[in-house]
Protein backbone atom coordinates (compact mmCIF):
# COMPACT_ATOMS: atom_id res chain seq x y z
CA MET A 1 -61.42 3.49 -33.63
CA SER A 2 -62.60 2.95 -29.71
CA SER A 3 -61.26 5.66 -27.26
CA GLN A 4 -58.94 3.13 -25.77
CA LYS A 5 -56.92 2.30 -29.15
CA LYS A 6 -56.77 5.79 -29.49
CA LYS A 7 -55.63 6.66 -25.92
CA SER A 8 -53.03 4.03 -26.91
CA GLU A 9 -51.41 5.22 -29.90
CA ALA A 10 -51.57 8.50 -27.94
CA ASN A 11 -49.32 7.59 -25.61
CA VAL A 12 -46.82 5.48 -28.18
CA LYS A 13 -46.76 9.32 -30.11
CA GLY A 14 -45.35 10.85 -26.86
CA LYS A 15 -43.36 8.13 -25.76
CA HIS A 16 -41.69 8.38 -28.95
CA ALA A 17 -41.57 12.45 -28.91
CA SER A 18 -39.39 12.49 -25.47
CA PHE A 19 -36.74 10.24 -27.00
CA VAL A 20 -33.63 11.55 -26.58
CA ASN A 21 -30.82 10.93 -29.21
CA THR A 22 -28.27 9.67 -27.10
CA ASP A 23 -25.96 9.73 -30.17
CA ALA A 24 -26.16 13.29 -30.63
CA GLU A 25 -22.51 15.39 -31.13
CA ASP A 26 -23.26 17.42 -28.05
CA ASP A 27 -23.92 14.97 -25.62
CA PHE A 28 -20.11 13.09 -25.37
CA GLU A 29 -16.36 13.37 -25.97
CA ILE A 30 -14.38 11.05 -27.21
CA LYS A 31 -11.00 10.79 -25.37
CA PRO A 32 -8.29 8.43 -27.08
CA LEU A 33 -6.32 5.97 -24.16
CA THR A 34 -3.48 7.45 -23.06
CA ASN A 35 -0.26 5.32 -23.74
CA ILE A 36 -0.23 4.07 -20.07
CA ARG A 37 -3.75 2.95 -20.01
CA LYS A 38 -3.12 1.12 -23.45
CA ILE A 39 -0.22 -0.71 -21.55
CA ILE A 40 -2.82 -1.80 -18.87
CA ALA A 41 -5.92 -2.77 -20.45
CA ASN A 42 -3.73 -5.20 -22.86
CA ALA A 43 -2.12 -6.63 -19.90
CA MET A 44 -5.01 -7.08 -18.38
CA HIS A 45 -6.98 -8.90 -20.97
CA HIS A 46 -4.27 -10.61 -21.73
CA SER A 47 -4.08 -12.03 -18.39
CA LEU A 48 -7.88 -12.92 -17.89
CA GLN A 49 -7.16 -14.53 -21.45
CA SER A 50 -4.45 -16.55 -21.31
CA SER A 51 -4.37 -18.12 -17.44
CA ALA A 52 -6.79 -19.64 -15.42
CA GLN A 53 -7.70 -17.09 -12.57
CA LEU A 54 -10.19 -17.58 -9.45
CA THR A 55 -10.28 -15.85 -6.47
CA HIS A 56 -10.62 -17.07 -2.52
CA HIS A 57 -11.93 -14.51 -0.36
CA LEU A 58 -11.07 -14.89 3.78
CA SER A 59 -10.66 -12.62 6.72
CA ALA A 60 -8.12 -12.51 9.74
CA ASP A 61 -8.57 -11.28 13.00
CA ALA A 62 -7.32 -8.05 13.18
CA ARG A 63 -6.47 -7.03 16.48
CA ALA A 64 -3.02 -7.81 16.62
CA LEU A 65 -2.51 -5.85 13.33
CA LEU A 66 -3.89 -2.50 14.89
CA ALA A 67 -2.02 -3.01 17.97
CA CYS A 68 1.21 -3.10 16.49
CA ARG A 69 0.03 -0.16 14.21
CA LYS A 70 -0.50 1.59 17.44
CA LYS A 71 2.57 0.63 18.72
CA ALA A 72 4.30 2.35 15.30
CA LYS A 73 2.40 5.58 15.74
CA GLU A 74 3.05 5.79 19.70
CA SER A 75 6.86 4.86 18.77
CA GLY A 76 6.86 8.03 15.87
CA MET A 77 7.52 5.16 13.16
CA ASP A 78 5.14 6.10 9.89
CA ILE A 79 4.31 2.21 9.22
CA THR A 80 0.95 1.64 7.84
CA ILE A 81 -1.69 -1.39 7.95
CA ASN A 82 -0.57 -2.51 4.67
CA ASP A 83 3.22 -2.35 5.70
CA PHE A 84 2.33 -4.83 8.28
CA VAL A 85 0.10 -6.76 5.82
CA CYS A 86 2.74 -7.09 3.58
CA PHE A 87 5.13 -8.17 5.91
CA ALA A 88 3.17 -10.79 7.15
CA VAL A 89 2.48 -12.23 2.97
CA ILE A 90 6.86 -12.17 2.40
CA LYS A 91 7.17 -14.54 5.73
CA VAL A 92 4.54 -16.89 4.35
CA LEU A 93 5.69 -16.64 0.87
CA LYS A 94 9.33 -18.06 1.97
CA LYS A 95 7.13 -21.09 3.45
CA PHE A 96 5.40 -21.60 -0.10
CA PRO A 97 7.90 -20.98 -2.84
CA ARG A 98 5.58 -22.01 -5.44
CA VAL A 99 3.27 -19.65 -5.07
CA ASN A 100 6.85 -17.04 -5.26
CA ALA A 101 7.22 -18.01 -8.93
CA HIS A 102 6.25 -17.31 -12.63
CA LEU A 103 4.57 -19.85 -14.97
CA ASN A 104 6.55 -19.88 -18.52
CA ASN A 105 5.10 -22.05 -20.90
CA ASP A 106 5.36 -24.73 -19.43
CA ASN A 107 7.83 -24.16 -16.43
CA LEU A 108 7.13 -22.99 -13.31
CA LYS A 109 10.31 -20.48 -12.13
CA ILE A 110 10.61 -20.52 -8.47
CA PHE A 111 11.94 -17.65 -6.60
CA LYS A 112 14.80 -17.94 -3.89
CA ALA A 113 14.11 -14.79 -3.08
CA VAL A 114 10.46 -12.78 -2.26
CA HIS A 115 10.32 -9.94 -5.03
CA LEU A 116 7.24 -7.85 -3.57
CA GLY A 117 5.47 -6.35 -6.15
CA LEU A 118 3.13 -3.20 -4.67
CA ALA A 119 -0.02 -1.81 -6.67
CA VAL A 120 0.29 2.03 -6.44
CA ASP A 121 -2.84 4.19 -7.63
CA THR A 122 -1.52 7.54 -9.39
CA GLU A 123 -2.99 10.00 -11.73
CA ARG A 124 -1.02 8.28 -14.93
CA GLY A 125 -2.85 5.13 -13.89
CA LEU A 126 -1.85 1.78 -11.94
CA MET A 127 1.78 1.22 -11.50
CA VAL A 128 3.22 -1.69 -9.86
CA PRO A 129 6.84 -1.15 -8.53
CA VAL A 130 8.83 -4.43 -7.10
CA ILE A 131 11.15 -4.30 -3.87
CA LYS A 132 13.40 -6.58 -4.44
CA LYS A 133 14.97 -9.06 -1.66
CA ALA A 134 12.39 -7.98 0.32
CA ASP A 135 12.33 -10.67 2.24
CA GLU A 136 15.78 -9.15 3.47
CA LEU A 137 14.59 -6.17 5.08
CA ASN A 138 13.09 -5.85 8.85
CA ILE A 139 9.48 -4.07 9.12
CA LYS A 140 11.51 -0.53 9.40
CA GLY A 141 13.26 -1.26 5.84
CA LEU A 142 10.07 -2.56 4.58
CA SER A 143 7.82 0.38 5.19
CA THR A 144 10.70 2.78 4.40
CA LYS A 145 11.22 1.41 0.66
CA MET A 146 7.77 0.74 -0.53
CA HIS A 147 6.80 4.30 0.47
CA GLU A 148 9.63 5.47 -1.60
CA LEU A 149 8.81 3.30 -4.48
CA ALA A 150 4.74 4.55 -3.83
CA ALA A 151 6.19 7.89 -3.96
CA ALA A 152 8.44 7.65 -7.33
CA CYS A 153 5.32 6.43 -9.14
CA ARG A 154 3.07 8.91 -8.53
CA LYS A 155 6.15 11.60 -8.94
CA GLY A 156 6.73 10.17 -12.18
CA ASN A 157 10.21 9.42 -12.20
CA ILE A 158 10.37 5.40 -11.11
CA ASP A 159 12.85 3.23 -12.67
CA PRO A 160 11.32 1.85 -15.06
CA ASP A 161 13.13 -1.57 -14.78
CA LEU A 162 10.91 -1.69 -11.36
CA ILE A 163 7.14 -1.70 -13.06
CA ALA A 164 8.06 -4.31 -15.12
CA PRO A 165 5.50 -7.34 -14.64
CA GLU A 166 8.43 -10.15 -14.90
CA SER A 167 10.69 -8.31 -12.14
CA ALA A 168 8.01 -9.34 -9.15
CA SER A 169 7.58 -12.55 -7.55
CA PHE A 170 4.31 -11.39 -6.31
CA THR A 171 2.31 -8.88 -5.67
CA VAL A 172 0.24 -7.18 -3.29
CA SER A 173 -3.10 -5.05 -4.18
CA ASN A 174 -4.54 -3.21 -1.14
CA LEU A 175 -8.05 -1.23 -1.39
CA GLY A 176 -8.49 -1.15 2.22
CA ASN A 177 -8.09 2.70 2.01
CA TYR A 178 -11.31 3.03 -0.15
CA GLY A 179 -13.70 0.87 1.79
CA VAL A 180 -13.38 -1.65 -0.32
CA GLU A 181 -14.86 -4.88 1.62
CA MET A 182 -14.20 -7.71 -1.10
CA PHE A 183 -12.48 -7.51 -4.88
CA THR A 184 -11.22 -10.25 -7.05
CA PRO A 185 -7.49 -8.89 -8.51
CA VAL A 186 -5.60 -9.51 -12.01
CA ILE A 187 -2.92 -11.16 -11.81
CA ASN A 188 0.35 -9.80 -13.07
CA LEU A 189 1.83 -12.46 -15.79
CA PRO A 190 3.60 -14.29 -15.59
CA GLN A 191 3.39 -14.33 -11.55
CA VAL A 192 1.16 -17.07 -10.71
CA SER A 193 -1.21 -14.89 -8.30
CA ILE A 194 -1.37 -11.83 -6.33
CA LEU A 195 -3.39 -10.87 -2.98
CA GLY A 196 -5.79 -8.45 -2.26
CA VAL A 197 -6.32 -6.60 0.95
CA ASN A 198 -9.54 -5.22 1.69
CA THR A 199 -10.95 -2.91 4.50
CA ILE A 200 -11.47 -3.81 7.99
CA ILE A 201 -14.71 -3.96 9.29
CA TYR A 202 -15.88 -6.05 12.51
CA ARG A 203 -17.79 -8.53 13.03
CA PRO A 204 -18.96 -10.89 15.22
CA LYS A 205 -16.84 -13.58 16.53
CA PRO A 206 -16.67 -16.17 19.96
CA LEU A 207 -14.22 -15.05 22.60
CA GLU A 208 -12.16 -17.54 24.74
CA ASP A 209 -14.21 -16.96 27.71
CA GLY A 210 -17.58 -18.01 25.45
CA THR A 211 -18.88 -14.39 24.86
CA LEU A 212 -19.61 -12.76 21.44
CA ALA A 213 -17.50 -9.95 20.75
CA LEU A 214 -17.38 -7.32 17.97
CA VAL A 215 -13.82 -8.20 16.45
CA PRO A 216 -12.78 -5.96 13.68
CA HIS A 217 -11.15 -8.59 10.57
CA ILE A 218 -9.21 -7.48 7.64
CA GLY A 219 -10.38 -8.82 4.05
CA LEU A 220 -8.16 -11.18 1.83
CA SER A 221 -8.42 -12.10 -1.52
CA LEU A 222 -6.01 -14.36 -3.26
CA THR A 223 -6.20 -14.62 -7.08
CA TYR A 224 -4.19 -17.68 -8.12
CA ASP A 225 -3.23 -19.33 -11.76
CA HIS A 226 -5.13 -23.23 -11.50
CA ARG A 227 -2.74 -23.86 -14.17
CA ALA A 228 0.41 -23.14 -11.35
CA LEU A 229 -1.41 -23.94 -8.05
CA ASP A 230 -3.65 -26.06 -6.78
CA GLY A 231 -7.08 -25.16 -4.93
CA GLY A 232 -5.87 -26.48 -1.92
CA GLU A 233 -2.16 -24.96 -1.95
CA ALA A 234 -3.79 -21.53 -2.95
CA THR A 235 -6.05 -21.63 0.58
CA ARG A 236 -3.49 -22.75 2.85
CA PHE A 237 -1.19 -20.23 1.74
CA VAL A 238 -3.51 -17.26 2.18
CA LYS A 239 -5.23 -19.38 5.69
CA GLU A 240 -1.16 -18.78 6.90
CA VAL A 241 -1.02 -15.01 5.95
CA ALA A 242 -4.32 -14.61 8.06
CA ASN A 243 -2.44 -17.03 10.75
CA GLN A 244 1.00 -14.40 10.45
CA ILE A 245 -1.87 -11.28 10.59
CA GLU A 246 -3.49 -12.59 13.76
CA THR A 247 -0.23 -13.21 15.89
CA LEU A 248 1.87 -10.88 14.70
CA GLU A 249 3.39 -9.60 18.31
CA ALA A 250 4.10 -5.40 18.25
CA SER A 251 7.52 -5.55 20.29
CA ARG A 252 8.63 -8.76 17.98
CA VAL A 253 8.10 -6.79 14.70
CA ILE A 254 9.03 -2.88 15.22
CA GLU A 255 12.21 -4.01 17.41
CA ASP A 256 13.39 -6.61 15.04
């Protein structure tokens, strides 16, 4: 046997000798899914299996948004960036009623009021409480209600009727606090769409005077059911959300 062949066989034996059996009983732990995890898993799987979902991503100039946040803090109000974004979303939903809807079989159920779902991360898992008739609230009332529902979810004493998917007409999921720049949210059926809100990042943008500056932008990710909405309508909707964010006026919004 040649020395080269012996060396090759030795290498093979060495690799086999160093092989680690990852199925050893002391190498892993098996934990059954919790009931809430099963519910979330089944809902997400059903959503992706039974609808035609796709996502559009764009960003909005966040200078006006940050100015509103700064004004609120100076006024002693704990109104978050997500509160302002949701406030803008509600305004746009009134202009695009087909987005504020449920799809049931071949029927589109269009809501006259905005019942806003808010994705909340809790120790038990993701929960989506709903703010009924959110379009009737000003920014202060909306912010207060959002904070109350999020706290109730984390404490585990949320009203079950307020976390049923059919209770909301549209949902917002914000991962901006985690630094996420882009993601694909999954629709809570029978709703026809969901908006993902991303982190604020600085991007080059030409200014009115012709100069180029680094400007804060907030990312928006709209997932929609193509069975209910066409791409053009979905694009116009998320573009108008961006426009509302870019034209927020602190004095008008906060003092309303």
